[in-house]
Amino acid sequence: MGWWQVNADTLAASRFVLSPLAETFAALKLLHSGAAAHPGERAWLDARLPGYRALLAADPVTARLVRAGLGKDWIADFLTPTPRDQETFEDGVARVRAADPRRARAHLTVSLAGPLPAVLDRDDLPERAAALLEYVWTEAVRPDWERRRRVLEADVVARTALVSRGGWAAALDSLRPGRTRWLGDNRLQVNLHEYPPREISGAELVFVPVTPKGGWVSWEEPDRYAVVYPCAGALADPGARAVPASLGALLGSARAAVLVLLDSPLSTTQLVAVTGQRLGSVGRHLRVLLDAGLVERRRAGRSVLYSRTAAGEVLVKAAGPGHGRGTCRS
């Protein structure tokens, strides 16, 4: 396993960061694999894979670059510069374009775990990688970046609340279960690869959510390190939980959708991101559910989290799939 030595001050100073470039690279990985994690992702792929594949078919060098850079066990480092706080996509992709061609080729030999193919022995690889990322951003990410950003912000709210409730160990264990784990003795497991430990105490450490499933680590030695992780499933796939038709008839489908989602604590911001409803609408639904004793609220740091009460649990379970004639989705 790979792990980093992280002292208490470094961990305490770490923070969550949103990165349009990381989101775009995660989308590129999803397009490359073609494997959807949920129906919403499947629809996204079906709409965008034809254009992506046509682009690569017309550019065999870039197609080979993608296959080499997204190796089986390792990603070529120059493709994933470590995210920086408040960095725009344009600033991030400029760092990919500015990568040294010799180092880019060296990174590809690592991701390939073998010699570089002759077709990739060229100096324009960073430019080609940047152009491909710009295509993915423009065609597949930027059109719904505001929705993605709200989902990512909601995930950060949830992780920050988890830190306040269970400490950093609980939050780190939840980022990529089975891969990230707090080992104790100032050791953070970051993946399952076998490579020497890294001493990162005193460096900048950031945690970066993305909406597609998966993740990676990146670094700019010795100053900056990042763990990129998939955001919570309920946020990534807002259509994953069906609203029982009987509950929708009783409460209204939009209000019922809020109640169904609250089997785990969520903030108003998260509910807005997940349901797609306006902030004012979500707030009204929460007030009605609070007055009815179906949800409760509590403060976690600067956030207010809502969750179902015992009465709310009974109502949702009683109206489960077996108690209605169908389901509706918010």
C-alpha atoms as a PDB file:
ATOM      1  CA  MET A   1       0.000   0.000   0.000  1.00  0.00           C
ATOM      2  CA  GLY A   2       1.053   3.600  -0.504  1.00  0.00           C
ATOM      3  CA  TRP A   3       1.055   5.905   2.501  1.00  0.00           C
ATOM      4  CA  TRP A   4       2.148   9.393   3.459  1.00  0.00           C
ATOM      5  CA  GLN A   5       3.642  10.547   6.749  1.00  0.00           C
ATOM      6  CA  VAL A   6       1.505  13.492   7.865  1.00  0.00           C
ATOM      7  CA  ASN A   7       2.049  15.356  11.113  1.00  0.00           C
ATOM      8  CA  ALA A   8      -0.794  16.845  13.147  1.00  0.00           C
ATOM      9  CA  ASP A   9      -0.163  20.432  12.007  1.00  0.00           C
ATOM     10  CA  THR A  10      -0.244  19.463   8.325  1.00  0.00           C
ATOM     11  CA  LEU A  11      -3.478  17.534   8.754  1.00  0.00           C
ATOM     12  CA  ALA A  12      -5.062  20.353  10.756  1.00  0.00           C
ATOM     13  CA  ALA A  13      -4.160  22.837   8.002  1.00  0.00           C
ATOM     14  CA  SER A  14      -5.447  20.600   5.185  1.00  0.00           C
ATOM     15  CA  ARG A  15      -8.621  21.593   3.386  1.00  0.00           C
ATOM     16  CA  PHE A  16     -11.116  20.618   0.720  1.00  0.00           C
ATOM     17  CA  VAL A  17     -10.703  22.224  -2.708  1.00  0.00           C
ATOM     18  CA  LEU A  18     -12.895  22.237  -5.818  1.00  0.00           C
ATOM     19  CA  SER A  19     -11.081  21.865  -9.127  1.00  0.00           C
ATOM     20  CA  PRO A  20     -12.640  22.243 -12.585  1.00  0.00           C
ATOM     21  CA  LEU A  21      -9.531  20.605 -14.046  1.00  0.00           C
ATOM     22  CA  ALA A  22      -9.794  17.581 -11.740  1.00  0.00           C
ATOM     23  CA  GLU A  23     -13.481  17.245 -12.618  1.00  0.00           C
ATOM     24  CA  THR A  24     -12.564  17.381 -16.315  1.00  0.00           C
ATOM     25  CA  PHE A  25      -9.842  14.772 -15.957  1.00  0.00           C
ATOM     26  CA  ALA A  26     -12.268  12.528 -14.060  1.00  0.00           C
ATOM     27  CA  ALA A  27     -14.717  12.965 -16.948  1.00  0.00           C
ATOM     28  CA  LEU A  28     -11.952  12.013 -19.387  1.00  0.00           C
ATOM     29  CA  LYS A  29     -11.290   8.857 -17.382  1.00  0.00           C
ATOM     30  CA  LEU A  30     -15.003   8.043 -17.504  1.00  0.00           C
ATOM     31  CA  LEU A  31     -15.129   8.562 -21.260  1.00  0.00           C
ATOM     32  CA  HIS A  32     -12.049   6.383 -21.654  1.00  0.00           C
ATOM     33  CA  SER A  33     -13.526   3.514 -19.647  1.00  0.00           C
ATOM     34  CA  GLY A  34     -17.106   3.876 -20.906  1.00  0.00           C
ATOM     35  CA  ALA A  35     -18.304   2.199 -17.701  1.00  0.00           C
ATOM     36  CA  ALA A  36     -21.170   3.989 -15.918  1.00  0.00           C
ATOM     37  CA  ALA A  37     -21.633   3.808 -12.149  1.00  0.00           C
ATOM     38  CA  HIS A  38     -25.339   4.720 -12.242  1.00  0.00           C
ATOM     39  CA  PRO A  39     -28.132   5.445 -14.759  1.00  0.00           C
ATOM     40  CA  GLY A  40     -27.493   9.186 -14.824  1.00  0.00           C
ATOM     41  CA  GLU A  41     -23.889   8.559 -15.746  1.00  0.00           C
ATOM     42  CA  ARG A  42     -24.982   6.070 -18.414  1.00  0.00           C
ATOM     43  CA  ALA A  43     -27.138   8.723 -20.054  1.00  0.00           C
ATOM     44  CA  TRP A  44     -24.236  11.186 -19.901  1.00  0.00           C
ATOM     45  CA  LEU A  45     -21.934   8.667 -21.581  1.00  0.00           C
ATOM     46  CA  ASP A  46     -24.442   7.733 -24.259  1.00  0.00           C
ATOM     47  CA  ALA A  47     -24.726  11.397 -25.243  1.00  0.00           C
ATOM     48  CA  ARG A  48     -20.998  12.107 -25.366  1.00  0.00           C
ATOM     49  CA  LEU A  49     -19.153   8.932 -26.269  1.00  0.00           C
ATOM     50  CA  PRO A  50     -19.848   9.154 -30.041  1.00  0.00           C
ATOM     51  CA  GLY A  51     -18.232  12.587 -30.312  1.00  0.00           C
ATOM     52  CA  TYR A  52     -15.306  11.629 -28.083  1.00  0.00           C
ATOM     53  CA  ARG A  53     -14.594   8.444 -30.013  1.00  0.00           C
ATOM     54  CA  ALA A  54     -14.862  10.241 -33.338  1.00  0.00           C
ATOM     55  CA  LEU A  55     -12.320  12.796 -32.124  1.00  0.00           C
ATOM     56  CA  LEU A  56      -9.821  10.083 -31.183  1.00  0.00           C
ATOM     57  CA  ALA A  57     -10.452   8.128 -34.373  1.00  0.00           C
ATOM     58  CA  ALA A  58      -9.438  11.219 -36.327  1.00  0.00           C
ATOM     59  CA  ASP A  59      -6.299  11.723 -34.197  1.00  0.00           C
ATOM     60  CA  PRO A  60      -4.448   8.409 -33.618  1.00  0.00           C
ATOM     61  CA  VAL A  61      -1.558  10.076 -31.795  1.00  0.00           C
ATOM     62  CA  THR A  62      -3.834  11.594 -29.141  1.00  0.00           C
ATOM     63  CA  ALA A  63      -5.731   8.305 -28.909  1.00  0.00           C
ATOM     64  CA  ARG A  64      -2.471   6.496 -28.176  1.00  0.00           C
ATOM     65  CA  LEU A  65      -1.516   9.217 -25.687  1.00  0.00           C
ATOM     66  CA  VAL A  66      -4.752   8.676 -23.750  1.00  0.00           C
ATOM     67  CA  ARG A  67      -4.278   4.916 -23.611  1.00  0.00           C
ATOM     68  CA  ALA A  68      -0.702   5.344 -22.437  1.00  0.00           C
ATOM     69  CA  GLY A  69      -1.395   8.139 -19.942  1.00  0.00           C
ATOM     70  CA  LEU A  70      -4.307   6.384 -18.268  1.00  0.00           C
ATOM     71  CA  GLY A  71      -2.286   3.310 -17.424  1.00  0.00           C
ATOM     72  CA  LYS A  72      -3.665   0.276 -15.655  1.00  0.00           C
ATOM     73  CA  ASP A  73      -2.054   1.061 -12.308  1.00  0.00           C
ATOM     74  CA  TRP A  74      -0.593   4.547 -12.736  1.00  0.00           C
ATOM     75  CA  ILE A  75      -1.574   7.845 -14.357  1.00  0.00           C
ATOM     76  CA  ALA A  76       1.097   9.872 -16.142  1.00  0.00           C
ATOM     77  CA  ASP A  77       1.870  12.648 -13.671  1.00  0.00           C
ATOM     78  CA  PHE A  78       1.884  15.535 -16.154  1.00  0.00           C
ATOM     79  CA  LEU A  79      -1.817  14.912 -16.893  1.00  0.00           C
ATOM     80  CA  THR A  80      -2.867  15.608 -13.285  1.00  0.00           C
ATOM     81  CA  PRO A  81      -1.187  18.721 -11.877  1.00  0.00           C
ATOM     82  CA  THR A  82      -2.000  19.071  -8.200  1.00  0.00           C
ATOM     83  CA  PRO A  83      -5.184  21.173  -7.800  1.00  0.00           C
ATOM     84  CA  ARG A  84      -4.875  24.658  -6.396  1.00  0.00           C
ATOM     85  CA  ASP A  85      -7.501  26.584  -4.478  1.00  0.00           C
ATOM     86  CA  GLN A  86      -9.672  28.911  -6.619  1.00  0.00           C
ATOM     87  CA  GLU A  87      -7.891  27.850  -9.821  1.00  0.00           C
ATOM     88  CA  THR A  88      -9.941  28.167 -13.009  1.00  0.00           C
ATOM     89  CA  PHE A  89     -10.008  25.450 -15.618  1.00  0.00           C
ATOM     90  CA  GLU A  90      -8.054  27.717 -17.961  1.00  0.00           C
ATOM     91  CA  ASP A  91      -5.273  28.229 -15.416  1.00  0.00           C
ATOM     92  CA  GLY A  92      -5.142  24.525 -14.614  1.00  0.00           C
ATOM     93  CA  VAL A  93      -4.966  23.328 -18.219  1.00  0.00           C
ATOM     94  CA  ALA A  94      -2.245  25.904 -18.873  1.00  0.00           C
ATOM     95  CA  ARG A  95      -0.088  23.965 -16.413  1.00  0.00           C
ATOM     96  CA  VAL A  96      -0.673  20.773 -18.417  1.00  0.00           C
ATOM     97  CA  ARG A  97       0.282  22.591 -21.627  1.00  0.00           C
ATOM     98  CA  ALA A  98       3.442  23.988 -19.986  1.00  0.00           C
ATOM     99  CA  ALA A  99       4.742  20.556 -18.938  1.00  0.00           C
ATOM    100  CA  ASP A 100       8.265  19.754 -20.074  1.00  0.00           C
ATOM    101  CA  PRO A 101       8.034  17.333 -23.056  1.00  0.00           C
ATOM    102  CA  ARG A 102      10.917  15.221 -21.799  1.00  0.00           C
ATOM    103  CA  ARG A 103       9.301  14.805 -18.411  1.00  0.00           C
ATOM    104  CA  ALA A 104       5.963  14.044 -20.063  1.00  0.00           C
ATOM    105  CA  ARG A 105       7.582  11.192 -21.991  1.00  0.00           C
ATOM    106  CA  ALA A 106       9.244   9.952 -18.807  1.00  0.00           C
ATOM    107  CA  HIS A 107       5.895   9.992 -16.995  1.00  0.00           C
ATOM    108  CA  LEU A 108       4.358   7.944 -19.807  1.00  0.00           C
ATOM    109  CA  THR A 109       7.009   5.243 -19.476  1.00  0.00           C
ATOM    110  CA  VAL A 110       5.946   4.916 -15.825  1.00  0.00           C
ATOM    111  CA  SER A 111       2.224   4.716 -16.607  1.00  0.00           C
ATOM    112  CA  LEU A 112       2.963   2.205 -19.386  1.00  0.00           C
ATOM    113  CA  ALA A 113       5.359   0.232 -17.174  1.00  0.00           C
ATOM    114  CA  GLY A 114       7.475  -0.161 -20.275  1.00  0.00           C
ATOM    115  CA  PRO A 115       9.184   1.617 -23.176  1.00  0.00           C
ATOM    116  CA  LEU A 116       7.550   4.527 -24.953  1.00  0.00           C
ATOM    117  CA  PRO A 117       6.029   3.657 -28.355  1.00  0.00           C
ATOM    118  CA  ALA A 118       7.718   5.394 -31.265  1.00  0.00           C
ATOM    119  CA  VAL A 119       4.504   7.270 -32.122  1.00  0.00           C
ATOM    120  CA  LEU A 120       4.711   9.062 -28.747  1.00  0.00           C
ATOM    121  CA  ASP A 121       8.385  10.030 -29.003  1.00  0.00           C
ATOM    122  CA  ARG A 122       7.559  13.659 -29.778  1.00  0.00           C
ATOM    123  CA  ASP A 123       7.530  17.079 -28.107  1.00  0.00           C
ATOM    124  CA  ASP A 124       3.881  18.053 -28.603  1.00  0.00           C
ATOM    125  CA  LEU A 125       2.402  15.616 -26.071  1.00  0.00           C
ATOM    126  CA  PRO A 126       1.588  18.303 -23.435  1.00  0.00           C
ATOM    127  CA  GLU A 127      -0.137  20.415 -26.111  1.00  0.00           C
ATOM    128  CA  ARG A 128      -2.162  17.425 -27.302  1.00  0.00           C
ATOM    129  CA  ALA A 129      -3.146  16.505 -23.741  1.00  0.00           C
ATOM    130  CA  ALA A 130      -4.214  20.086 -23.009  1.00  0.00           C
ATOM    131  CA  ALA A 131      -6.253  20.259 -26.217  1.00  0.00           C
ATOM    132  CA  LEU A 132      -8.058  17.023 -25.351  1.00  0.00           C
ATOM    133  CA  LEU A 133      -8.850  18.268 -21.833  1.00  0.00           C
ATOM    134  CA  GLU A 134     -10.173  21.506 -23.352  1.00  0.00           C
ATOM    135  CA  TYR A 135     -12.456  19.457 -25.587  1.00  0.00           C
ATOM    136  CA  VAL A 136     -13.787  17.433 -22.639  1.00  0.00           C
ATOM    137  CA  TRP A 137     -14.302  20.589 -20.583  1.00  0.00           C
ATOM    138  CA  THR A 138     -16.103  22.426 -23.379  1.00  0.00           C
ATOM    139  CA  GLU A 139     -18.285  19.570 -24.612  1.00  0.00           C
ATOM    140  CA  ALA A 140     -18.871  17.441 -21.540  1.00  0.00           C
ATOM    141  CA  VAL A 141     -18.275  19.355 -18.294  1.00  0.00           C
ATOM    142  CA  ARG A 142     -18.745  23.110 -18.697  1.00  0.00           C
ATOM    143  CA  PRO A 143     -22.400  22.875 -19.889  1.00  0.00           C
ATOM    144  CA  ASP A 144     -23.442  21.565 -16.459  1.00  0.00           C
ATOM    145  CA  TRP A 145     -20.552  22.835 -14.364  1.00  0.00           C
ATOM    146  CA  GLU A 146     -22.829  24.866 -12.083  1.00  0.00           C
ATOM    147  CA  ARG A 147     -24.796  21.737 -11.140  1.00  0.00           C
ATOM    148  CA  ARG A 148     -21.581  19.792 -10.665  1.00  0.00           C
ATOM    149  CA  ARG A 149     -20.140  22.574  -8.545  1.00  0.00           C
ATOM    150  CA  ARG A 150     -23.190  22.568  -6.260  1.00  0.00           C
ATOM    151  CA  VAL A 151     -22.892  18.798  -5.856  1.00  0.00           C
ATOM    152  CA  LEU A 152     -19.183  19.065  -5.042  1.00  0.00           C
ATOM    153  CA  GLU A 153     -19.812  21.884  -2.569  1.00  0.00           C
ATOM    154  CA  ALA A 154     -22.472  19.746  -0.919  1.00  0.00           C
ATOM    155  CA  ASP A 155     -20.006  16.902  -0.555  1.00  0.00           C
ATOM    156  CA  VAL A 156     -17.501  19.214   1.097  1.00  0.00           C
ATOM    157  CA  VAL A 157     -20.189  20.299   3.569  1.00  0.00           C
ATOM    158  CA  ALA A 158     -20.837  16.646   4.434  1.00  0.00           C
ATOM    159  CA  ARG A 159     -17.130  15.822   4.840  1.00  0.00           C
ATOM    160  CA  THR A 160     -16.530  18.893   6.987  1.00  0.00           C
ATOM    161  CA  ALA A 161     -19.438  17.876   9.217  1.00  0.00           C
ATOM    162  CA  LEU A 162     -17.962  14.387   9.489  1.00  0.00           C
ATOM    163  CA  VAL A 163     -14.656  15.875  10.624  1.00  0.00           C
ATOM    164  CA  SER A 164     -16.485  17.824  13.342  1.00  0.00           C
ATOM    165  CA  ARG A 165     -18.359  14.696  14.507  1.00  0.00           C
ATOM    166  CA  GLY A 166     -15.769  11.940  14.184  1.00  0.00           C
ATOM    167  CA  GLY A 167     -12.442  13.668  13.623  1.00  0.00           C
ATOM    168  CA  TRP A 168     -10.134  13.449  10.642  1.00  0.00           C
ATOM    169  CA  ALA A 169      -9.722   9.666  10.925  1.00  0.00           C
ATOM    170  CA  ALA A 170     -13.424   9.101  10.189  1.00  0.00           C
ATOM    171  CA  ALA A 171     -13.396  11.600   7.321  1.00  0.00           C
ATOM    172  CA  LEU A 172     -10.289  10.115   5.711  1.00  0.00           C
ATOM    173  CA  ASP A 173     -11.571   6.555   6.008  1.00  0.00           C
ATOM    174  CA  SER A 174     -14.716   7.587   4.121  1.00  0.00           C
ATOM    175  CA  LEU A 175     -13.034   9.259   1.130  1.00  0.00           C
ATOM    176  CA  ARG A 176     -12.237   6.096  -0.824  1.00  0.00           C
ATOM    177  CA  PRO A 177     -13.232   3.151   1.371  1.00  0.00           C
ATOM    178  CA  GLY A 178     -10.713   0.351   1.085  1.00  0.00           C
ATOM    179  CA  ARG A 179      -8.119   2.703  -0.392  1.00  0.00           C
ATOM    180  CA  THR A 180      -7.769   5.727   1.866  1.00  0.00           C
ATOM    181  CA  ARG A 181      -7.396   5.017   5.553  1.00  0.00           C
ATOM    182  CA  TRP A 182      -5.910   6.636   8.618  1.00  0.00           C
ATOM    183  CA  LEU A 183      -3.377   4.083   9.857  1.00  0.00           C
ATOM    184  CA  GLY A 184      -2.388   5.868  13.062  1.00  0.00           C
ATOM    185  CA  ASP A 185       1.102   7.061  13.981  1.00  0.00           C
ATOM    186  CA  ASN A 186       0.682  10.005  11.574  1.00  0.00           C
ATOM    187  CA  ARG A 187       0.290   7.689   8.566  1.00  0.00           C
ATOM    188  CA  LEU A 188      -2.292   8.244   5.836  1.00  0.00           C
ATOM    189  CA  GLN A 189      -2.858   5.377   3.407  1.00  0.00           C
ATOM    190  CA  VAL A 190      -3.668   6.936   0.019  1.00  0.00           C
ATOM    191  CA  ASN A 191      -3.975   3.899  -2.264  1.00  0.00           C
ATOM    192  CA  LEU A 192      -3.151   0.206  -2.624  1.00  0.00           C
ATOM    193  CA  HIS A 193      -0.017   0.608  -4.740  1.00  0.00           C
ATOM    194  CA  GLU A 194       3.320  -0.516  -3.348  1.00  0.00           C
ATOM    195  CA  TYR A 195       5.720   2.394  -3.318  1.00  0.00           C
ATOM    196  CA  PRO A 196       7.956   3.979  -0.667  1.00  0.00           C
ATOM    197  CA  PRO A 197       6.278   6.151   1.974  1.00  0.00           C
ATOM    198  CA  ARG A 198       6.415   9.917   1.497  1.00  0.00           C
ATOM    199  CA  GLU A 199       7.125  12.387   4.254  1.00  0.00           C
ATOM    200  CA  ILE A 200       4.806  15.324   3.563  1.00  0.00           C
ATOM    201  CA  SER A 201       4.739  17.034   6.946  1.00  0.00           C
ATOM    202  CA  GLY A 202       4.831  20.785   6.428  1.00  0.00           C
ATOM    203  CA  ALA A 203       3.466  20.575   2.873  1.00  0.00           C
ATOM    204  CA  GLU A 204       0.071  21.747   1.624  1.00  0.00           C
ATOM    205  CA  LEU A 205      -2.436  18.873   1.660  1.00  0.00           C
ATOM    206  CA  VAL A 206      -5.784  19.171  -0.142  1.00  0.00           C
ATOM    207  CA  PHE A 207      -8.714  16.828  -0.680  1.00  0.00           C
ATOM    208  CA  VAL A 208     -10.551  17.230  -3.977  1.00  0.00           C
ATOM    209  CA  PRO A 209     -14.007  15.746  -4.751  1.00  0.00           C
ATOM    210  CA  VAL A 210     -15.089  14.788  -8.282  1.00  0.00           C
ATOM    211  CA  THR A 211     -18.490  13.525  -9.389  1.00  0.00           C
ATOM    212  CA  PRO A 212     -17.418  10.428 -11.413  1.00  0.00           C
ATOM    213  CA  LYS A 213     -16.454   7.304  -9.511  1.00  0.00           C
ATOM    214  CA  GLY A 214     -12.735   6.827  -8.976  1.00  0.00           C
ATOM    215  CA  GLY A 215      -9.889   8.993  -7.809  1.00  0.00           C
ATOM    216  CA  TRP A 216      -6.130   9.451  -7.747  1.00  0.00           C
ATOM    217  CA  VAL A 217      -3.338  11.179  -5.874  1.00  0.00           C
ATOM    218  CA  SER A 218      -0.986  13.842  -7.169  1.00  0.00           C
ATOM    219  CA  TRP A 219       1.882  15.889  -5.852  1.00  0.00           C
ATOM    220  CA  GLU A 220       4.356  18.652  -6.576  1.00  0.00           C
ATOM    221  CA  GLU A 221       7.282  17.748  -4.409  1.00  0.00           C
ATOM    222  CA  PRO A 222       7.946  18.928  -1.807  1.00  0.00           C
ATOM    223  CA  ASP A 223       5.260  21.563  -1.339  1.00  0.00           C
ATOM    224  CA  ARG A 224       1.834  20.315  -2.429  1.00  0.00           C
ATOM    225  CA  TYR A 225      -0.074  17.008  -2.262  1.00  0.00           C
ATOM    226  CA  ALA A 226      -3.642  16.095  -3.172  1.00  0.00           C
ATOM    227  CA  VAL A 227      -6.057  13.210  -2.747  1.00  0.00           C
ATOM    228  CA  VAL A 228      -8.829  13.239  -5.375  1.00  0.00           C
ATOM    229  CA  TYR A 229     -11.881  11.206  -4.380  1.00  0.00           C
ATOM    230  CA  PRO A 230     -15.427  10.505  -5.671  1.00  0.00           C
ATOM    231  CA  CYS A 231     -18.177  12.490  -3.983  1.00  0.00           C
ATOM    232  CA  ALA A 232     -20.882  10.715  -2.003  1.00  0.00           C
ATOM    233  CA  GLY A 233     -23.112   8.439  -4.068  1.00  0.00           C
ATOM    234  CA  ALA A 234     -26.397  10.109  -3.115  1.00  0.00           C
ATOM    235  CA  LEU A 235     -25.006  13.380  -4.410  1.00  0.00           C
ATOM    236  CA  ALA A 236     -23.488  11.950  -7.580  1.00  0.00           C
ATOM    237  CA  ASP A 237     -26.719  10.178  -8.555  1.00  0.00           C
ATOM    238  CA  PRO A 238     -29.676  12.269  -7.374  1.00  0.00           C
ATOM    239  CA  GLY A 239     -32.108   9.901  -9.135  1.00  0.00           C
ATOM    240  CA  ALA A 240     -30.899   6.852  -7.238  1.00  0.00           C
ATOM    241  CA  ARG A 241     -33.675   6.964  -4.642  1.00  0.00           C
ATOM    242  CA  ALA A 242     -37.203   6.564  -5.882  1.00  0.00           C
ATOM    243  CA  VAL A 243     -40.036   8.335  -4.079  1.00  0.00           C
ATOM    244  CA  PRO A 244     -42.922   5.948  -3.297  1.00  0.00           C
ATOM    245  CA  ALA A 245     -46.021   7.105  -5.147  1.00  0.00           C
ATOM    246  CA  SER A 246     -48.141   6.894  -1.997  1.00  0.00           C
ATOM    247  CA  LEU A 247     -45.733   9.154  -0.110  1.00  0.00           C
ATOM    248  CA  GLY A 248     -45.687  11.579  -3.017  1.00  0.00           C
ATOM    249  CA  ALA A 249     -49.468  11.679  -2.998  1.00  0.00           C
ATOM    250  CA  LEU A 250     -49.505  12.392   0.736  1.00  0.00           C
ATOM    251  CA  LEU A 251     -46.792  15.061   0.931  1.00  0.00           C
ATOM    252  CA  GLY A 252     -46.325  16.161  -2.654  1.00  0.00           C
ATOM    253  CA  SER A 253     -43.551  14.631  -4.748  1.00  0.00           C
ATOM    254  CA  ALA A 254     -41.010  17.419  -4.148  1.00  0.00           C
ATOM    255  CA  ARG A 255     -41.464  17.410  -0.357  1.00  0.00           C
ATOM    256  CA  ALA A 256     -41.478  13.607  -0.273  1.00  0.00           C
ATOM    257  CA  ALA A 257     -38.191  13.584  -2.210  1.00  0.00           C
ATOM    258  CA  VAL A 258     -36.598  15.709   0.511  1.00  0.00           C
ATOM    259  CA  LEU A 259     -37.847  13.382   3.243  1.00  0.00           C
ATOM    260  CA  VAL A 260     -36.617  10.266   1.416  1.00  0.00           C
ATOM    261  CA  LEU A 261     -33.126  11.728   1.039  1.00  0.00           C
ATOM    262  CA  LEU A 262     -32.800  12.501   4.741  1.00  0.00           C
ATOM    263  CA  ASP A 263     -31.928   8.989   5.880  1.00  0.00           C
ATOM    264  CA  SER A 264     -28.498  10.529   6.489  1.00  0.00           C
ATOM    265  CA  PRO A 265     -27.872  14.118   7.609  1.00  0.00           C
ATOM    266  CA  LEU A 266     -27.804  16.672   4.796  1.00  0.00           C
ATOM    267  CA  SER A 267     -27.611  20.436   4.716  1.00  0.00           C
ATOM    268  CA  THR A 268     -29.935  22.727   2.797  1.00  0.00           C
ATOM    269  CA  THR A 269     -27.140  23.280   0.274  1.00  0.00           C
ATOM    270  CA  GLN A 270     -26.778  19.559  -0.260  1.00  0.00           C
ATOM    271  CA  LEU A 271     -30.525  19.093  -0.710  1.00  0.00           C
ATOM    272  CA  VAL A 272     -30.605  21.864  -3.302  1.00  0.00           C
ATOM    273  CA  ALA A 273     -27.754  20.179  -5.176  1.00  0.00           C
ATOM    274  CA  VAL A 274     -29.277  16.708  -5.022  1.00  0.00           C
ATOM    275  CA  THR A 275     -32.907  17.540  -5.804  1.00  0.00           C
ATOM    276  CA  GLY A 276     -32.386  20.375  -8.263  1.00  0.00           C
ATOM    277  CA  GLN A 277     -35.064  22.355  -6.396  1.00  0.00           C
ATOM    278  CA  ARG A 278     -34.592  26.034  -5.578  1.00  0.00           C
ATOM    279  CA  LEU A 279     -33.245  27.073  -2.204  1.00  0.00           C
ATOM    280  CA  GLY A 280     -36.543  28.707  -1.213  1.00  0.00           C
ATOM    281  CA  SER A 281     -38.525  25.590  -2.113  1.00  0.00           C
ATOM    282  CA  VAL A 282     -36.234  23.309  -0.130  1.00  0.00           C
ATOM    283  CA  GLY A 283     -36.435  25.671   2.841  1.00  0.00           C
ATOM    284  CA  ARG A 284     -40.262  25.622   2.760  1.00  0.00           C
ATOM    285  CA  HIS A 285     -40.342  21.832   2.556  1.00  0.00           C
ATOM    286  CA  LEU A 286     -37.987  21.568   5.520  1.00  0.00           C
ATOM    287  CA  ARG A 287     -40.105  23.935   7.615  1.00  0.00           C
ATOM    288  CA  VAL A 288     -43.235  21.867   6.959  1.00  0.00           C
ATOM    289  CA  LEU A 289     -41.405  18.609   7.742  1.00  0.00           C
ATOM    290  CA  LEU A 290     -39.951  20.125  10.917  1.00  0.00           C
ATOM    291  CA  ASP A 291     -43.364  21.343  12.071  1.00  0.00           C
ATOM    292  CA  ALA A 292     -44.798  17.885  11.407  1.00  0.00           C
ATOM    293  CA  GLY A 293     -42.070  16.241  13.493  1.00  0.00           C
ATOM    294  CA  LEU A 294     -40.788  14.221  10.520  1.00  0.00           C
ATOM    295  CA  VAL A 295     -37.296  15.728  10.465  1.00  0.00           C
ATOM    296  CA  GLU A 296     -34.963  17.296  12.986  1.00  0.00           C
ATOM    297  CA  ARG A 297     -32.015  19.628  12.701  1.00  0.00           C
ATOM    298  CA  ARG A 298     -28.726  20.131  14.468  1.00  0.00           C
ATOM    299  CA  ARG A 299     -25.694  22.315  13.973  1.00  0.00           C
ATOM    300  CA  ALA A 300     -22.347  20.866  12.844  1.00  0.00           C
ATOM    301  CA  GLY A 301     -19.751  23.635  12.790  1.00  0.00           C
ATOM    302  CA  ARG A 302     -21.119  26.336  10.502  1.00  0.00           C
ATOM    303  CA  SER A 303     -23.648  24.023   8.868  1.00  0.00           C
ATOM    304  CA  VAL A 304     -27.159  23.012   9.907  1.00  0.00           C
ATOM    305  CA  LEU A 305     -27.874  19.364   9.098  1.00  0.00           C
ATOM    306  CA  TYR A 306     -31.332  17.826   8.722  1.00  0.00           C
ATOM    307  CA  SER A 307     -32.253  14.168   9.181  1.00  0.00           C
ATOM    308  CA  ARG A 308     -35.395  12.091   9.605  1.00  0.00           C
ATOM    309  CA  THR A 309     -36.896  11.557  13.047  1.00  0.00           C
ATOM    310  CA  ALA A 310     -38.260   8.204  14.167  1.00  0.00           C
ATOM    311  CA  ALA A 311     -41.692   9.336  12.938  1.00  0.00           C
ATOM    312  CA  GLY A 312     -40.225  10.206   9.564  1.00  0.00           C
ATOM    313  CA  GLU A 313     -38.568   6.781   9.372  1.00  0.00           C
ATOM    314  CA  VAL A 314     -41.869   5.060  10.069  1.00  0.00           C
ATOM    315  CA  LEU A 315     -43.660   7.084   7.395  1.00  0.00           C
ATOM    316  CA  VAL A 316     -41.035   6.412   4.710  1.00  0.00           C
ATOM    317  CA  LYS A 317     -40.838   2.695   5.491  1.00  0.00           C
ATOM    318  CA  ALA A 318     -44.615   2.345   5.560  1.00  0.00           C
ATOM    319  CA  ALA A 319     -44.802   3.949   2.115  1.00  0.00           C
ATOM    320  CA  GLY A 320     -42.006   1.770   0.708  1.00  0.00           C
ATOM    321  CA  PRO A 321     -42.145   0.182  -2.762  1.00  0.00           C
ATOM    322  CA  GLY A 322     -44.383  -2.605  -1.539  1.00  0.00           C
ATOM    323  CA  HIS A 323     -47.061  -0.179  -0.345  1.00  0.00           C
ATOM    324  CA  GLY A 324     -47.762   1.776  -3.509  1.00  0.00           C
ATOM    325  CA  ARG A 325     -48.651   1.179  -7.131  1.00  0.00           C
ATOM    326  CA  GLY A 326     -45.540   2.782  -8.510  1.00  0.00           C
ATOM    327  CA  THR A 327     -42.794   5.293  -7.929  1.00  0.00           C
ATOM    328  CA  CYS A 328     -42.090   8.803  -9.037  1.00  0.00           C
ATOM    329  CA  ARG A 329     -38.828  10.695  -9.156  1.00  0.00           C
ATOM    330  CA  SER A 330     -38.243  14.288  -8.241  1.00  0.00           C
END
